[in-house]
Amino acid sequence: MLRIGVRLLGQRVYCQHCGGGFRATDETLEEDEGPLRAMEQIQENRIERLLERAAEAIGNSLKVEQPQEEEISQETV
């Protein structure tokens, strides 16, 4: 077993003796990917909903601003 600092997990590391390279991982964390993936999916879904709401809010604000701009241009003519 090789001991690697936590700060190196997920990074490519190289053996000081043979020069071989590999990605530093923790097998105990890999076994629990199911719950981790489920949490990632929940977060991704929440982000998508927030982006949709933001786009909708921007669209609504643009619809409200357009009539005001038209009124201003008519007044200047």
PDB file of N, CA and C in Angstrom:
ATOM      1  N   MET A   1       0.849  -1.177   0.000  1.00  0.00           N
ATOM      2  CA  MET A   1       0.000   0.000   0.000  1.00  0.00           C
ATOM      3  C   MET A   1       0.893   1.238   0.000  1.00  0.00           C
ATOM      4  N   LEU A   2       0.493   2.216  -0.745  1.00  0.00           N
ATOM      5  CA  LEU A   2       1.229   3.468  -0.862  1.00  0.00           C
ATOM      6  C   LEU A   2       0.459   4.570  -0.163  1.00  0.00           C
ATOM      7  N   ARG A   3       1.133   5.359   0.617  1.00  0.00           N
ATOM      8  CA  ARG A   3       0.482   6.479   1.316  1.00  0.00           C
ATOM      9  C   ARG A   3       0.736   7.754   0.521  1.00  0.00           C
ATOM     10  N   ILE A   4      -0.367   8.444   0.218  1.00  0.00           N
ATOM     11  CA  ILE A   4      -0.298   9.684  -0.565  1.00  0.00           C
ATOM     12  C   ILE A   4      -1.080  10.754   0.182  1.00  0.00           C
ATOM     13  N   GLY A   5      -0.574  11.963   0.190  1.00  0.00           N
ATOM     14  CA  GLY A   5      -1.256  13.066   0.857  1.00  0.00           C
ATOM     15  C   GLY A   5      -2.616  13.354   0.233  1.00  0.00           C
ATOM     16  N   VAL A   6      -3.555  13.749   1.052  1.00  0.00           N
ATOM     17  CA  VAL A   6      -4.916  14.037   0.599  1.00  0.00           C
ATOM     18  C   VAL A   6      -4.912  15.102  -0.488  1.00  0.00           C
ATOM     19  N   ARG A   7      -4.030  16.068  -0.388  1.00  0.00           N
ATOM     20  CA  ARG A   7      -3.998  17.155  -1.369  1.00  0.00           C
ATOM     21  C   ARG A   7      -3.673  16.656  -2.781  1.00  0.00           C
ATOM     22  N   LEU A   8      -3.140  15.433  -2.909  1.00  0.00           N
ATOM     23  CA  LEU A   8      -2.798  14.874  -4.213  1.00  0.00           C
ATOM     24  C   LEU A   8      -3.902  13.995  -4.809  1.00  0.00           C
ATOM     25  N   LEU A   9      -4.944  13.705  -4.040  1.00  0.00           N
ATOM     26  CA  LEU A   9      -6.015  12.843  -4.552  1.00  0.00           C
ATOM     27  C   LEU A   9      -6.624  13.437  -5.819  1.00  0.00           C
ATOM     28  N   GLY A  10      -6.786  12.586  -6.811  1.00  0.00           N
ATOM     29  CA  GLY A  10      -7.361  13.004  -8.079  1.00  0.00           C
ATOM     30  C   GLY A  10      -6.336  13.535  -9.069  1.00  0.00           C
ATOM     31  N   GLN A  11      -5.115  13.725  -8.629  1.00  0.00           N
ATOM     32  CA  GLN A  11      -4.068  14.251  -9.506  1.00  0.00           C
ATOM     33  C   GLN A  11      -3.174  13.126 -10.010  1.00  0.00           C
ATOM     34  N   ARG A  12      -2.474  13.400 -11.078  1.00  0.00           N
ATOM     35  CA  ARG A  12      -1.511  12.432 -11.610  1.00  0.00           C
ATOM     36  C   ARG A  12      -0.221  12.590 -10.809  1.00  0.00           C
ATOM     37  N   VAL A  13       0.271  11.475 -10.268  1.00  0.00           N
ATOM     38  CA  VAL A  13       1.500  11.471  -9.479  1.00  0.00           C
ATOM     39  C   VAL A  13       2.469  10.443 -10.065  1.00  0.00           C
ATOM     40  N   TYR A  14       3.735  10.587  -9.696  1.00  0.00           N
ATOM     41  CA  TYR A  14       4.767   9.709 -10.236  1.00  0.00           C
ATOM     42  C   TYR A  14       5.599   9.122  -9.104  1.00  0.00           C
ATOM     43  N   CYS A  15       5.933   7.852  -9.243  1.00  0.00           N
ATOM     44  CA  CYS A  15       6.761   7.145  -8.258  1.00  0.00           C
ATOM     45  C   CYS A  15       8.185   7.694  -8.313  1.00  0.00           C
ATOM     46  N   GLN A  16       8.734   8.014  -7.145  1.00  0.00           N
ATOM     47  CA  GLN A  16      10.102   8.543  -7.084  1.00  0.00           C
ATOM     48  C   GLN A  16      11.144   7.469  -7.380  1.00  0.00           C
ATOM     49  N   HIS A  17      10.751   6.203  -7.265  1.00  0.00           N
ATOM     50  CA  HIS A  17      11.712   5.120  -7.462  1.00  0.00           C
ATOM     51  C   HIS A  17      11.739   4.627  -8.904  1.00  0.00           C
ATOM     52  N   CYS A  18      10.570   4.338  -9.473  1.00  0.00           N
ATOM     53  CA  CYS A  18      10.549   3.764 -10.826  1.00  0.00           C
ATOM     54  C   CYS A  18      10.096   4.760 -11.894  1.00  0.00           C
ATOM     55  N   GLY A  19       9.537   5.904 -11.479  1.00  0.00           N
ATOM     56  CA  GLY A  19       9.093   6.914 -12.437  1.00  0.00           C
ATOM     57  C   GLY A  19       7.718   6.634 -13.027  1.00  0.00           C
ATOM     58  N   GLY A  20       7.093   5.540 -12.579  1.00  0.00           N
ATOM     59  CA  GLY A  20       5.761   5.210 -13.087  1.00  0.00           C
ATOM     60  C   GLY A  20       4.724   6.228 -12.633  1.00  0.00           C
ATOM     61  N   GLY A  21       3.804   6.566 -13.532  1.00  0.00           N
ATOM     62  CA  GLY A  21       2.773   7.546 -13.213  1.00  0.00           C
ATOM     63  C   GLY A  21       1.411   6.894 -13.041  1.00  0.00           C
ATOM     64  N   PHE A  22       0.592   7.480 -12.189  1.00  0.00           N
ATOM     65  CA  PHE A  22      -0.768   6.991 -11.962  1.00  0.00           C
ATOM     66  C   PHE A  22      -1.588   8.108 -11.329  1.00  0.00           C
ATOM     67  N   ARG A  23      -2.911   7.941 -11.354  1.00  0.00           N
ATOM     68  CA  ARG A  23      -3.798   8.912 -10.724  1.00  0.00           C
ATOM     69  C   ARG A  23      -4.003   8.494  -9.273  1.00  0.00           C
ATOM     70  N   ALA A  24      -3.774   9.428  -8.354  1.00  0.00           N
ATOM     71  CA  ALA A  24      -3.922   9.146  -6.926  1.00  0.00           C
ATOM     72  C   ALA A  24      -5.405   9.056  -6.583  1.00  0.00           C
ATOM     73  N   THR A  25      -5.810   7.919  -6.049  1.00  0.00           N
ATOM     74  CA  THR A  25      -7.207   7.713  -5.666  1.00  0.00           C
ATOM     75  C   THR A  25      -7.274   7.058  -4.294  1.00  0.00           C
ATOM     76  N   ASP A  26      -8.464   7.037  -3.748  1.00  0.00           N
ATOM     77  CA  ASP A  26      -8.708   6.364  -2.474  1.00  0.00           C
ATOM     78  C   ASP A  26      -9.803   5.338  -2.726  1.00  0.00           C
ATOM     79  N   GLU A  27      -9.473   4.059  -2.625  1.00  0.00           N
ATOM     80  CA  GLU A  27     -10.436   2.994  -2.916  1.00  0.00           C
ATOM     81  C   GLU A  27     -11.675   3.079  -2.042  1.00  0.00           C
ATOM     82  N   THR A  28     -11.532   3.523  -0.820  1.00  0.00           N
ATOM     83  CA  THR A  28     -12.703   3.600   0.060  1.00  0.00           C
ATOM     84  C   THR A  28     -13.691   4.638  -0.444  1.00  0.00           C
ATOM     85  N   LEU A  29     -13.202   5.697  -1.083  1.00  0.00           N
ATOM     86  CA  LEU A  29     -14.108   6.699  -1.644  1.00  0.00           C
ATOM     87  C   LEU A  29     -14.759   6.200  -2.926  1.00  0.00           C
ATOM     88  N   GLU A  30     -14.043   5.411  -3.705  1.00  0.00           N
ATOM     89  CA  GLU A  30     -14.569   4.896  -4.961  1.00  0.00           C
ATOM     90  C   GLU A  30     -15.730   3.936  -4.744  1.00  0.00           C
ATOM     91  N   GLU A  31     -15.734   3.213  -3.645  1.00  0.00           N
ATOM     92  CA  GLU A  31     -16.805   2.254  -3.375  1.00  0.00           C
ATOM     93  C   GLU A  31     -18.133   2.949  -3.116  1.00  0.00           C
ATOM     94  N   ASP A  32     -18.102   4.177  -2.667  1.00  0.00           N
ATOM     95  CA  ASP A  32     -19.319   4.909  -2.330  1.00  0.00           C
ATOM     96  C   ASP A  32     -19.738   5.889  -3.413  1.00  0.00           C
ATOM     97  N   GLU A  33     -19.456   5.578  -4.666  1.00  0.00           N
ATOM     98  CA  GLU A  33     -19.799   6.488  -5.752  1.00  0.00           C
ATOM     99  C   GLU A  33     -21.300   6.617  -5.964  1.00  0.00           C
ATOM    100  N   GLY A  34     -22.082   5.618  -5.601  1.00  0.00           N
ATOM    101  CA  GLY A  34     -23.532   5.688  -5.792  1.00  0.00           C
ATOM    102  C   GLY A  34     -24.137   6.886  -5.100  1.00  0.00           C
ATOM    103  N   PRO A  35     -23.954   7.034  -3.795  1.00  0.00           N
ATOM    104  CA  PRO A  35     -24.503   8.201  -3.104  1.00  0.00           C
ATOM    105  C   PRO A  35     -23.902   9.514  -3.595  1.00  0.00           C
ATOM    106  N   LEU A  36     -22.615   9.493  -3.921  1.00  0.00           N
ATOM    107  CA  LEU A  36     -21.969  10.699  -4.411  1.00  0.00           C
ATOM    108  C   LEU A  36     -22.571  11.107  -5.756  1.00  0.00           C
ATOM    109  N   ARG A  37     -22.760  10.144  -6.637  1.00  0.00           N
ATOM    110  CA  ARG A  37     -23.349  10.437  -7.958  1.00  0.00           C
ATOM    111  C   ARG A  37     -24.781  10.930  -7.802  1.00  0.00           C
ATOM    112  N   ALA A  38     -25.525  10.362  -6.859  1.00  0.00           N
ATOM    113  CA  ALA A  38     -26.902  10.813  -6.630  1.00  0.00           C
ATOM    114  C   ALA A  38     -26.910  12.265  -6.167  1.00  0.00           C
ATOM    115  N   MET A  39     -25.982  12.628  -5.294  1.00  0.00           N
ATOM    116  CA  MET A  39     -25.900  14.010  -4.819  1.00  0.00           C
ATOM    117  C   MET A  39     -25.510  14.950  -5.959  1.00  0.00           C
ATOM    118  N   GLU A  40     -24.578  14.521  -6.799  1.00  0.00           N
ATOM    119  CA  GLU A  40     -24.194  15.333  -7.957  1.00  0.00           C
ATOM    120  C   GLU A  40     -25.384  15.563  -8.875  1.00  0.00           C
ATOM    121  N   GLN A  41     -26.186  14.525  -9.085  1.00  0.00           N
ATOM    122  CA  GLN A  41     -27.359  14.637  -9.955  1.00  0.00           C
ATOM    123  C   GLN A  41     -28.368  15.626  -9.372  1.00  0.00           C
ATOM    124  N   ILE A  42     -28.572  15.573  -8.060  1.00  0.00           N
ATOM    125  CA  ILE A  42     -29.485  16.517  -7.401  1.00  0.00           C
ATOM    126  C   ILE A  42     -28.986  17.943  -7.599  1.00  0.00           C
ATOM    127  N   GLN A  43     -27.688  18.150  -7.429  1.00  0.00           N
ATOM    128  CA  GLN A  43     -27.118  19.481  -7.607  1.00  0.00           C
ATOM    129  C   GLN A  43     -27.239  19.949  -9.057  1.00  0.00           C
ATOM    130  N   GLU A  44     -26.970  19.065 -10.002  1.00  0.00           N
ATOM    131  CA  GLU A  44     -27.101  19.422 -11.417  1.00  0.00           C
ATOM    132  C   GLU A  44     -28.539  19.805 -11.753  1.00  0.00           C
ATOM    133  N   ASN A  45     -29.501  19.054 -11.239  1.00  0.00           N
ATOM    134  CA  ASN A  45     -30.901  19.372 -11.487  1.00  0.00           C
ATOM    135  C   ASN A  45     -31.273  20.723 -10.896  1.00  0.00           C
ATOM    136  N   ARG A  46     -30.773  21.010  -9.702  1.00  0.00           N
ATOM    137  CA  ARG A  46     -31.073  22.290  -9.059  1.00  0.00           C
ATOM    138  C   ARG A  46     -30.474  23.445  -9.860  1.00  0.00           C
ATOM    139  N   ILE A  47     -29.259  23.259 -10.335  1.00  0.00           N
ATOM    140  CA  ILE A  47     -28.612  24.290 -11.143  1.00  0.00           C
ATOM    141  C   ILE A  47     -29.412  24.546 -12.412  1.00  0.00           C
ATOM    142  N   GLU A  48     -29.865  23.482 -13.064  1.00  0.00           N
ATOM    143  CA  GLU A  48     -30.664  23.636 -14.282  1.00  0.00           C
ATOM    144  C   GLU A  48     -31.951  24.406 -14.004  1.00  0.00           C
ATOM    145  N   ARG A  49     -32.628  24.086 -12.904  1.00  0.00           N
ATOM    146  CA  ARG A  49     -33.864  24.804 -12.553  1.00  0.00           C
ATOM    147  C   ARG A  49     -33.586  26.277 -12.291  1.00  0.00           C
ATOM    148  N   LEU A  50     -32.489  26.561 -11.579  1.00  0.00           N
ATOM    149  CA  LEU A  50     -32.133  27.956 -11.296  1.00  0.00           C
ATOM    150  C   LEU A  50     -31.809  28.714 -12.578  1.00  0.00           C
ATOM    151  N   LEU A  51     -31.110  28.081 -13.502  1.00  0.00           N
ATOM    152  CA  LEU A  51     -30.797  28.724 -14.776  1.00  0.00           C
ATOM    153  C   LEU A  51     -32.062  28.986 -15.587  1.00  0.00           C
ATOM    154  N   GLU A  52     -32.994  28.043 -15.574  1.00  0.00           N
ATOM    155  CA  GLU A  52     -34.258  28.238 -16.281  1.00  0.00           C
ATOM    156  C   GLU A  52     -35.043  29.398 -15.684  1.00  0.00           C
ATOM    157  N   ARG A  53     -35.086  29.463 -14.340  1.00  0.00           N
ATOM    158  CA  ARG A  53     -35.803  30.561 -13.678  1.00  0.00           C
ATOM    159  C   ARG A  53     -35.146  31.904 -13.984  1.00  0.00           C
ATOM    160  N   ALA A  54     -33.809  31.930 -14.010  1.00  0.00           N
ATOM    161  CA  ALA A  54     -33.102  33.173 -14.313  1.00  0.00           C
ATOM    162  C   ALA A  54     -33.387  33.615 -15.742  1.00  0.00           C
ATOM    163  N   ALA A  55     -33.361  32.680 -16.680  1.00  0.00           N
ATOM    164  CA  ALA A  55     -33.649  33.018 -18.074  1.00  0.00           C
ATOM    165  C   ALA A  55     -35.079  33.529 -18.218  1.00  0.00           C
ATOM    166  N   GLU A  56     -35.999  32.910 -17.516  1.00  0.00           N
ATOM    167  CA  GLU A  56     -37.399  33.343 -17.554  1.00  0.00           C
ATOM    168  C   GLU A  56     -37.540  34.750 -16.972  1.00  0.00           C
ATOM    169  N   ALA A  57     -36.873  35.007 -15.858  1.00  0.00           N
ATOM    170  CA  ALA A  57     -36.944  36.328 -15.225  1.00  0.00           C
ATOM    171  C   ALA A  57     -36.353  37.395 -16.137  1.00  0.00           C
ATOM    172  N   ILE A  58     -35.246  37.088 -16.804  1.00  0.00           N
ATOM    173  CA  ILE A  58     -34.640  38.041 -17.731  1.00  0.00           C
ATOM    174  C   ILE A  58     -35.579  38.300 -18.899  1.00  0.00           C
ATOM    175  N   GLY A  59     -36.171  37.235 -19.422  1.00  0.00           N
ATOM    176  CA  GLY A  59     -37.120  37.387 -20.520  1.00  0.00           C
ATOM    177  C   GLY A  59     -38.309  38.252 -20.124  1.00  0.00           C
ATOM    178  N   ASN A  60     -38.830  38.033 -18.918  1.00  0.00           N
ATOM    179  CA  ASN A  60     -39.958  38.831 -18.439  1.00  0.00           C
ATOM    180  C   ASN A  60     -39.563  40.288 -18.252  1.00  0.00           C
ATOM    181  N   SER A  61     -38.370  40.546 -17.744  1.00  0.00           N
ATOM    182  CA  SER A  61     -37.950  41.929 -17.527  1.00  0.00           C
ATOM    183  C   SER A  61     -37.741  42.645 -18.848  1.00  0.00           C
ATOM    184  N   LEU A  62     -37.283  41.923 -19.869  1.00  0.00           N
ATOM    185  CA  LEU A  62     -37.112  42.540 -21.183  1.00  0.00           C
ATOM    186  C   LEU A  62     -38.464  42.883 -21.800  1.00  0.00           C
ATOM    187  N   LYS A  63     -39.474  42.049 -21.581  1.00  0.00           N
ATOM    188  CA  LYS A  63     -40.821  42.321 -22.096  1.00  0.00           C
ATOM    189  C   LYS A  63     -41.399  43.567 -21.443  1.00  0.00           C
ATOM    190  N   VAL A  64     -41.126  43.769 -20.181  1.00  0.00           N
ATOM    191  CA  VAL A  64     -41.638  44.925 -19.447  1.00  0.00           C
ATOM    192  C   VAL A  64     -40.929  46.196 -19.909  1.00  0.00           C
ATOM    193  N   GLU A  65     -39.639  46.119 -20.199  1.00  0.00           N
ATOM    194  CA  GLU A  65     -38.868  47.294 -20.592  1.00  0.00           C
ATOM    195  C   GLU A  65     -39.176  47.758 -22.001  1.00  0.00           C
ATOM    196  N   GLN A  66     -39.552  46.892 -22.909  1.00  0.00           N
ATOM    197  CA  GLN A  66     -39.781  47.253 -24.301  1.00  0.00           C
ATOM    198  C   GLN A  66     -40.884  48.293 -24.477  1.00  0.00           C
ATOM    199  N   PRO A  67     -42.059  48.157 -23.857  1.00  0.00           N
ATOM    200  CA  PRO A  67     -43.084  49.188 -24.048  1.00  0.00           C
ATOM    201  C   PRO A  67     -42.625  50.553 -23.538  1.00  0.00           C
ATOM    202  N   GLN A  68     -41.860  50.602 -22.472  1.00  0.00           N
ATOM    203  CA  GLN A  68     -41.367  51.871 -21.951  1.00  0.00           C
ATOM    204  C   GLN A  68     -40.433  52.524 -22.954  1.00  0.00           C
ATOM    205  N   GLU A  69     -39.586  51.766 -23.601  1.00  0.00           N
ATOM    206  CA  GLU A  69     -38.671  52.304 -24.601  1.00  0.00           C
ATOM    207  C   GLU A  69     -39.453  52.854 -25.784  1.00  0.00           C
ATOM    208  N   GLU A  70     -40.522  52.155 -26.203  1.00  0.00           N
ATOM    209  CA  GLU A  70     -41.334  52.609 -27.318  1.00  0.00           C
ATOM    210  C   GLU A  70     -42.017  53.935 -26.986  1.00  0.00           C
ATOM    211  N   GLU A  71     -42.508  54.083 -25.739  1.00  0.00           N
ATOM    212  CA  GLU A  71     -43.155  55.312 -25.330  1.00  0.00           C
ATOM    213  C   GLU A  71     -42.188  56.475 -25.358  1.00  0.00           C
ATOM    214  N   ILE A  72     -40.963  56.248 -24.930  1.00  0.00           N
ATOM    215  CA  ILE A  72     -39.942  57.297 -24.914  1.00  0.00           C
ATOM    216  C   ILE A  72     -39.617  57.729 -26.333  1.00  0.00           C
ATOM    217  N   SER A  73     -39.468  56.780 -27.249  1.00  0.00           N
ATOM    218  CA  SER A  73     -39.131  57.127 -28.639  1.00  0.00           C
ATOM    219  C   SER A  73     -40.275  57.863 -29.298  1.00  0.00           C
ATOM    220  N   GLN A  74     -41.519  57.560 -28.961  1.00  0.00           N
ATOM    221  CA  GLN A  74     -42.670  58.272 -29.537  1.00  0.00           C
ATOM    222  C   GLN A  74     -42.741  59.691 -29.020  1.00  0.00           C
ATOM    223  N   GLU A  75     -42.355  59.900 -27.764  1.00  0.00           N
ATOM    224  CA  GLU A  75     -42.398  61.242 -27.173  1.00  0.00           C
ATOM    225  C   GLU A  75     -41.349  62.150 -27.807  1.00  0.00           C
ATOM    226  N   THR A  76     -40.215  61.611 -28.188  1.00  0.00           N
ATOM    227  CA  THR A  76     -39.158  62.432 -28.767  1.00  0.00           C
ATOM    228  C   THR A  76     -39.436  62.782 -30.218  1.00  0.00           C
ATOM    229  N   VAL A  77     -40.331  62.051 -30.880  1.00  0.00           N
ATOM    230  CA  VAL A  77     -40.633  62.310 -32.297  1.00  0.00           C
ATOM    231  C   VAL A  77     -41.555  63.444 -32.448  1.00  0.00           C
TER     232      VAL A  77
END
